[in-house]
């Protein structure tokens, strides 16, 4: 449901700005530069909208990389 989706997105956004979370990430030398839920949704949608030829090329490239 949309209300739950929005609640999860806002909770994630708040976590990424939480001073304790940021301090812990910095202590572990982790870089925090998250996307919002809306940005992530748009990115994933763009993957699904990719031409099938591009998907096949990526599969081949990944298979070669794993060797």
PDB file of N, CA and C in Angstrom:
ATOM      1  N   UNK A   1       0.829  -1.211   0.000  1.00  0.00           N
ATOM      2  CA  UNK A   1       0.000   0.000   0.000  1.00  0.00           C
ATOM      3  C   UNK A   1       0.870   1.271   0.000  1.00  0.00           C
ATOM      4  N   UNK A   2       0.355   2.285  -0.632  1.00  0.00           N
ATOM      5  CA  UNK A   2       1.101   3.533  -0.810  1.00  0.00           C
ATOM      6  C   UNK A   2       1.501   4.151   0.525  1.00  0.00           C
ATOM      7  N   UNK A   3       0.622   4.118   1.526  1.00  0.00           N
ATOM      8  CA  UNK A   3       0.972   4.735   2.803  1.00  0.00           C
ATOM      9  C   UNK A   3       2.146   4.021   3.464  1.00  0.00           C
ATOM     10  N   UNK A   4       2.214   2.716   3.350  1.00  0.00           N
ATOM     11  CA  UNK A   4       3.346   1.971   3.924  1.00  0.00           C
ATOM     12  C   UNK A   4       4.626   2.231   3.144  1.00  0.00           C
ATOM     13  N   UNK A   5       4.502   2.281   1.832  1.00  0.00           N
ATOM     14  CA  UNK A   5       5.658   2.583   0.994  1.00  0.00           C
ATOM     15  C   UNK A   5       6.240   3.933   1.381  1.00  0.00           C
ATOM     16  N   UNK A   6       5.391   4.925   1.517  1.00  0.00           N
ATOM     17  CA  UNK A   6       5.861   6.256   1.888  1.00  0.00           C
ATOM     18  C   UNK A   6       6.469   6.266   3.282  1.00  0.00           C
ATOM     19  N   UNK A   7       5.893   5.530   4.211  1.00  0.00           N
ATOM     20  CA  UNK A   7       6.438   5.459   5.573  1.00  0.00           C
ATOM     21  C   UNK A   7       7.837   4.839   5.560  1.00  0.00           C
ATOM     22  N   UNK A   8       8.016   3.782   4.793  1.00  0.00           N
ATOM     23  CA  UNK A   8       9.331   3.132   4.697  1.00  0.00           C
ATOM     24  C   UNK A   8      10.340   4.068   4.046  1.00  0.00           C
ATOM     25  N   UNK A   9       9.927   4.754   2.995  1.00  0.00           N
ATOM     26  CA  UNK A   9      10.832   5.699   2.334  1.00  0.00           C
ATOM     27  C   UNK A   9      11.276   6.799   3.291  1.00  0.00           C
ATOM     28  N   UNK A  10      10.333   7.373   4.024  1.00  0.00           N
ATOM     29  CA  UNK A  10      10.667   8.465   4.941  1.00  0.00           C
ATOM     30  C   UNK A  10      11.548   7.968   6.083  1.00  0.00           C
ATOM     31  N   UNK A  11      11.308   6.742   6.553  1.00  0.00           N
ATOM     32  CA  UNK A  11      12.148   6.177   7.610  1.00  0.00           C
ATOM     33  C   UNK A  11      13.573   5.980   7.104  1.00  0.00           C
ATOM     34  N   UNK A  12      13.723   5.495   5.887  1.00  0.00           N
ATOM     35  CA  UNK A  12      15.047   5.334   5.285  1.00  0.00           C
ATOM     36  C   UNK A  12      15.749   6.676   5.158  1.00  0.00           C
ATOM     37  N   UNK A  13      15.020   7.671   4.635  1.00  0.00           N
ATOM     38  CA  UNK A  13      15.595   9.004   4.487  1.00  0.00           C
ATOM     39  C   UNK A  13      16.061   9.540   5.837  1.00  0.00           C
ATOM     40  N   UNK A  14      15.266   9.347   6.877  1.00  0.00           N
ATOM     41  CA  UNK A  14      15.617   9.820   8.221  1.00  0.00           C
ATOM     42  C   UNK A  14      16.850   9.091   8.750  1.00  0.00           C
ATOM     43  N   UNK A  15      16.937   7.793   8.493  1.00  0.00           N
ATOM     44  CA  UNK A  15      18.097   7.019   8.947  1.00  0.00           C
ATOM     45  C   UNK A  15      19.376   7.550   8.319  1.00  0.00           C
ATOM     46  N   UNK A  16      19.330   7.869   7.042  1.00  0.00           N
ATOM     47  CA  UNK A  16      20.513   8.342   6.347  1.00  0.00           C
ATOM     48  C   UNK A  16      21.009   9.677   6.896  1.00  0.00           C
ATOM     49  N   UNK A  17      20.133  10.415   7.583  1.00  0.00           N
ATOM     50  CA  UNK A  17      20.499  11.707   8.159  1.00  0.00           C
ATOM     51  C   UNK A  17      20.721  11.628   9.670  1.00  0.00           C
ATOM     52  N   UNK A  18      20.496  10.473  10.261  1.00  0.00           N
ATOM     53  CA  UNK A  18      20.629  10.316  11.710  1.00  0.00           C
ATOM     54  C   UNK A  18      22.091  10.490  12.127  1.00  0.00           C
ATOM     55  N   UNK A  19      22.375  11.397  13.052  1.00  0.00           N
ATOM     56  CA  UNK A  19      23.766  11.656  13.442  1.00  0.00           C
ATOM     57  C   UNK A  19      24.506  10.406  13.945  1.00  0.00           C
ATOM     58  N   UNK A  20      23.849   9.553  14.697  1.00  0.00           N
ATOM     59  CA  UNK A  20      24.504   8.344  15.202  1.00  0.00           C
ATOM     60  C   UNK A  20      24.837   7.389  14.056  1.00  0.00           C
ATOM     61  N   UNK A  21      23.932   7.254  13.116  1.00  0.00           N
ATOM     62  CA  UNK A  21      24.175   6.396  11.957  1.00  0.00           C
ATOM     63  C   UNK A  21      25.337   6.935  11.127  1.00  0.00           C
ATOM     64  N   UNK A  22      25.314   8.228  10.867  1.00  0.00           N
ATOM     65  CA  UNK A  22      26.374   8.854  10.079  1.00  0.00           C
ATOM     66  C   UNK A  22      27.717   8.715  10.784  1.00  0.00           C
ATOM     67  N   UNK A  23      27.743   8.915  12.097  1.00  0.00           N
ATOM     68  CA  UNK A  23      28.982   8.779  12.858  1.00  0.00           C
ATOM     69  C   UNK A  23      29.523   7.355  12.773  1.00  0.00           C
ATOM     70  N   UNK A  24      28.659   6.376  12.905  1.00  0.00           N
ATOM     71  CA  UNK A  24      29.084   4.977  12.816  1.00  0.00           C
ATOM     72  C   UNK A  24      29.622   4.658  11.419  1.00  0.00           C
ATOM     73  N   UNK A  25      28.943   5.135  10.402  1.00  0.00           N
ATOM     74  CA  UNK A  25      29.406   4.908   9.031  1.00  0.00           C
ATOM     75  C   UNK A  25      30.768   5.561   8.811  1.00  0.00           C
ATOM     76  N   UNK A  26      30.929   6.774   9.309  1.00  0.00           N
ATOM     77  CA  UNK A  26      32.217   7.456   9.174  1.00  0.00           C
ATOM     78  C   UNK A  26      33.308   6.715   9.922  1.00  0.00           C
ATOM     79  N   UNK A  27      33.003   6.185  11.098  1.00  0.00           N
ATOM     80  CA  UNK A  27      33.983   5.434  11.884  1.00  0.00           C
ATOM     81  C   UNK A  27      34.457   4.192  11.136  1.00  0.00           C
ATOM     82  N   UNK A  28      33.565   3.636  10.311  1.00  0.00           N
ATOM     83  CA  UNK A  28      33.912   2.450   9.525  1.00  0.00           C
ATOM     84  C   UNK A  28      34.406   2.809   8.124  1.00  0.00           C
ATOM     85  N   UNK A  29      34.635   4.110   7.923  1.00  0.00           N
ATOM     86  CA  UNK A  29      35.113   4.631   6.637  1.00  0.00           C
ATOM     87  C   UNK A  29      34.172   4.275   5.486  1.00  0.00           C
ATOM     88  N   UNK A  30      32.882   4.317   5.784  1.00  0.00           N
ATOM     89  CA  UNK A  30      31.864   4.065   4.756  1.00  0.00           C
ATOM     90  C   UNK A  30      31.337   5.402   4.258  1.00  0.00           C
ATOM     91  N   UNK A  31      31.213   5.527   2.964  1.00  0.00           N
ATOM     92  CA  UNK A  31      30.669   6.748   2.385  1.00  0.00           C
ATOM     93  C   UNK A  31      29.150   6.623   2.288  1.00  0.00           C
ATOM     94  N   UNK A  32      28.459   7.643   2.730  1.00  0.00           N
ATOM     95  CA  UNK A  32      26.999   7.637   2.661  1.00  0.00           C
ATOM     96  C   UNK A  32      26.567   8.688   1.655  1.00  0.00           C
ATOM     97  N   UNK A  33      25.964   8.238   0.591  1.00  0.00           N
ATOM     98  CA  UNK A  33      25.405   9.120  -0.425  1.00  0.00           C
ATOM     99  C   UNK A  33      24.172   8.429  -1.007  1.00  0.00           C
ATOM    100  N   UNK A  34      23.156   8.218  -0.172  1.00  0.00           N
ATOM    101  CA  UNK A  34      22.011   7.413  -0.601  1.00  0.00           C
ATOM    102  C   UNK A  34      21.068   8.154  -1.540  1.00  0.00           C
ATOM    103  N   UNK A  35      20.312   7.360  -2.260  1.00  0.00           N
ATOM    104  CA  UNK A  35      19.219   7.881  -3.072  1.00  0.00           C
ATOM    105  C   UNK A  35      17.962   7.882  -2.215  1.00  0.00           C
ATOM    106  N   UNK A  36      17.027   8.709  -2.606  1.00  0.00           N
ATOM    107  CA  UNK A  36      15.718   8.632  -1.958  1.00  0.00           C
ATOM    108  C   UNK A  36      14.985   7.420  -2.523  1.00  0.00           C
ATOM    109  N   UNK A  37      13.916   7.037  -1.872  1.00  0.00           N
ATOM    110  CA  UNK A  37      13.102   5.930  -2.377  1.00  0.00           C
ATOM    111  C   UNK A  37      12.582   6.199  -3.773  1.00  0.00           C
ATOM    112  N   UNK A  38      12.196   7.436  -4.014  1.00  0.00           N
ATOM    113  CA  UNK A  38      11.688   7.799  -5.335  1.00  0.00           C
ATOM    114  C   UNK A  38      12.778   7.693  -6.398  1.00  0.00           C
ATOM    115  N   UNK A  39      13.997   8.114  -6.052  1.00  0.00           N
ATOM    116  CA  UNK A  39      15.107   8.009  -6.993  1.00  0.00           C
ATOM    117  C   UNK A  39      15.445   6.549  -7.279  1.00  0.00           C
ATOM    118  N   UNK A  40      15.435   5.722  -6.237  1.00  0.00           N
ATOM    119  CA  UNK A  40      15.717   4.296  -6.418  1.00  0.00           C
ATOM    120  C   UNK A  40      14.659   3.646  -7.299  1.00  0.00           C
ATOM    121  N   UNK A  41      13.385   3.996  -7.086  1.00  0.00           N
ATOM    122  CA  UNK A  41      12.315   3.453  -7.902  1.00  0.00           C
ATOM    123  C   UNK A  41      12.516   3.823  -9.370  1.00  0.00           C
ATOM    124  N   UNK A  42      12.898   5.060  -9.631  1.00  0.00           N
ATOM    125  CA  UNK A  42      13.131   5.497 -11.011  1.00  0.00           C
ATOM    126  C   UNK A  42      14.310   4.747 -11.630  1.00  0.00           C
ATOM    127  N   UNK A  43      15.363   4.522 -10.848  1.00  0.00           N
ATOM    128  CA  UNK A  43      16.525   3.789 -11.354  1.00  0.00           C
ATOM    129  C   UNK A  43      16.151   2.348 -11.701  1.00  0.00           C
ATOM    130  N   UNK A  44      15.445   1.690 -10.805  1.00  0.00           N
ATOM    131  CA  UNK A  44      15.045   0.304 -11.061  1.00  0.00           C
ATOM    132  C   UNK A  44      14.113   0.233 -12.262  1.00  0.00           C
ATOM    133  N   UNK A  45      13.208   1.195 -12.368  1.00  0.00           N
ATOM    134  CA  UNK A  45      12.310   1.223 -13.537  1.00  0.00           C
ATOM    135  C   UNK A  45      13.122   1.355 -14.823  1.00  0.00           C
ATOM    136  N   UNK A  46      14.176   2.163 -14.778  1.00  0.00           N
ATOM    137  CA  UNK A  46      14.993   2.322 -15.989  1.00  0.00           C
ATOM    138  C   UNK A  46      15.675   1.006 -16.363  1.00  0.00           C
ATOM    139  N   UNK A  47      16.029   0.177 -15.359  1.00  0.00           N
ATOM    140  CA  UNK A  47      16.603  -1.129 -15.662  1.00  0.00           C
ATOM    141  C   UNK A  47      15.589  -1.996 -16.401  1.00  0.00           C
ATOM    142  N   UNK A  48      14.366  -2.007 -15.891  1.00  0.00           N
ATOM    143  CA  UNK A  48      13.321  -2.821 -16.512  1.00  0.00           C
ATOM    144  C   UNK A  48      12.954  -2.319 -17.905  1.00  0.00           C
ATOM    145  N   UNK A  49      13.169  -1.045 -18.145  1.00  0.00           N
ATOM    146  CA  UNK A  49      12.855  -0.461 -19.452  1.00  0.00           C
ATOM    147  C   UNK A  49      13.999  -0.582 -20.451  1.00  0.00           C
ATOM    148  N   UNK A  50      15.106  -1.188 -20.024  1.00  0.00           N
ATOM    149  CA  UNK A  50      16.273  -1.317 -20.897  1.00  0.00           C
ATOM    150  C   UNK A  50      15.960  -2.218 -22.084  1.00  0.00           C
ATOM    151  N   UNK A  51      16.529  -1.894 -23.241  1.00  0.00           N
ATOM    152  CA  UNK A  51      16.329  -2.750 -24.422  1.00  0.00           C
ATOM    153  C   UNK A  51      16.888  -4.153 -24.168  1.00  0.00           C
ATOM    154  N   UNK A  52      16.222  -5.162 -24.687  1.00  0.00           N
ATOM    155  CA  UNK A  52      16.642  -6.547 -24.451  1.00  0.00           C
ATOM    156  C   UNK A  52      18.055  -6.811 -24.975  1.00  0.00           C
ATOM    157  N   UNK A  53      18.452  -6.124 -26.052  1.00  0.00           N
ATOM    158  CA  UNK A  53      19.800  -6.312 -26.590  1.00  0.00           C
ATOM    159  C   UNK A  53      20.842  -5.871 -25.562  1.00  0.00           C
ATOM    160  N   UNK A  54      20.580  -4.770 -24.881  1.00  0.00           N
ATOM    161  CA  UNK A  54      21.493  -4.274 -23.862  1.00  0.00           C
ATOM    162  C   UNK A  54      21.575  -5.247 -22.689  1.00  0.00           C
ATOM    163  N   UNK A  55      20.461  -5.807 -22.298  1.00  0.00           N
ATOM    164  CA  UNK A  55      20.427  -6.777 -21.202  1.00  0.00           C
ATOM    165  C   UNK A  55      21.278  -7.993 -21.556  1.00  0.00           C
ATOM    166  N   UNK A  56      21.155  -8.473 -22.780  1.00  0.00           N
ATOM    167  CA  UNK A  56      21.942  -9.630 -23.217  1.00  0.00           C
ATOM    168  C   UNK A  56      23.433  -9.300 -23.240  1.00  0.00           C
ATOM    169  N   UNK A  57      23.792  -8.109 -23.672  1.00  0.00           N
ATOM    170  CA  UNK A  57      25.201  -7.709 -23.673  1.00  0.00           C
ATOM    171  C   UNK A  57      25.741  -7.663 -22.246  1.00  0.00           C
ATOM    172  N   UNK A  58      24.950  -7.159 -21.330  1.00  0.00           N
ATOM    173  CA  UNK A  58      25.363  -7.085 -19.939  1.00  0.00           C
ATOM    174  C   UNK A  58      25.541  -8.480 -19.344  1.00  0.00           C
ATOM    175  N   UNK A  59      24.616  -9.393 -19.665  1.00  0.00           N
ATOM    176  CA  UNK A  59      24.735 -10.777 -19.185  1.00  0.00           C
ATOM    177  C   UNK A  59      26.045 -11.396 -19.669  1.00  0.00           C
ATOM    178  N   UNK A  60      26.378 -11.176 -20.928  1.00  0.00           N
ATOM    179  CA  UNK A  60      27.612 -11.712 -21.498  1.00  0.00           C
ATOM    180  C   UNK A  60      28.827 -11.102 -20.807  1.00  0.00           C
ATOM    181  N   UNK A  61      28.800  -9.797 -20.614  1.00  0.00           N
ATOM    182  CA  UNK A  61      29.922  -9.119 -19.966  1.00  0.00           C
ATOM    183  C   UNK A  61      30.109  -9.621 -18.537  1.00  0.00           C
ATOM    184  N   UNK A  62      29.019  -9.794 -17.814  1.00  0.00           N
ATOM    185  CA  UNK A  62      29.112 -10.278 -16.440  1.00  0.00           C
ATOM    186  C   UNK A  62      29.612 -11.717 -16.392  1.00  0.00           C
ATOM    187  N   UNK A  63      29.187 -12.538 -17.336  1.00  0.00           N
ATOM    188  CA  UNK A  63      29.644 -13.925 -17.377  1.00  0.00           C
ATOM    189  C   UNK A  63      31.145 -13.968 -17.639  1.00  0.00           C
ATOM    190  N   UNK A  64      31.628 -13.106 -18.541  1.00  0.00           N
ATOM    191  CA  UNK A  64      33.072 -13.045 -18.832  1.00  0.00           C
ATOM    192  C   UNK A  64      33.839 -12.536 -17.629  1.00  0.00           C
ATOM    193  N   UNK A  65      33.273 -11.604 -16.897  1.00  0.00           N
ATOM    194  CA  UNK A  65      33.922 -11.025 -15.729  1.00  0.00           C
ATOM    195  C   UNK A  65      34.099 -12.050 -14.630  1.00  0.00           C
ATOM    196  N   UNK A  66      33.144 -12.940 -14.473  1.00  0.00           N
ATOM    197  CA  UNK A  66      33.172 -13.937 -13.402  1.00  0.00           C
ATOM    198  C   UNK A  66      34.174 -15.052 -13.648  1.00  0.00           C
ATOM    199  N   UNK A  67      34.660 -15.183 -14.880  1.00  0.00           N
ATOM    200  CA  UNK A  67      35.601 -16.268 -15.210  1.00  0.00           C
ATOM    201  C   UNK A  67      36.961 -16.026 -14.612  1.00  0.00           C
TER     202      UNK A  67
END
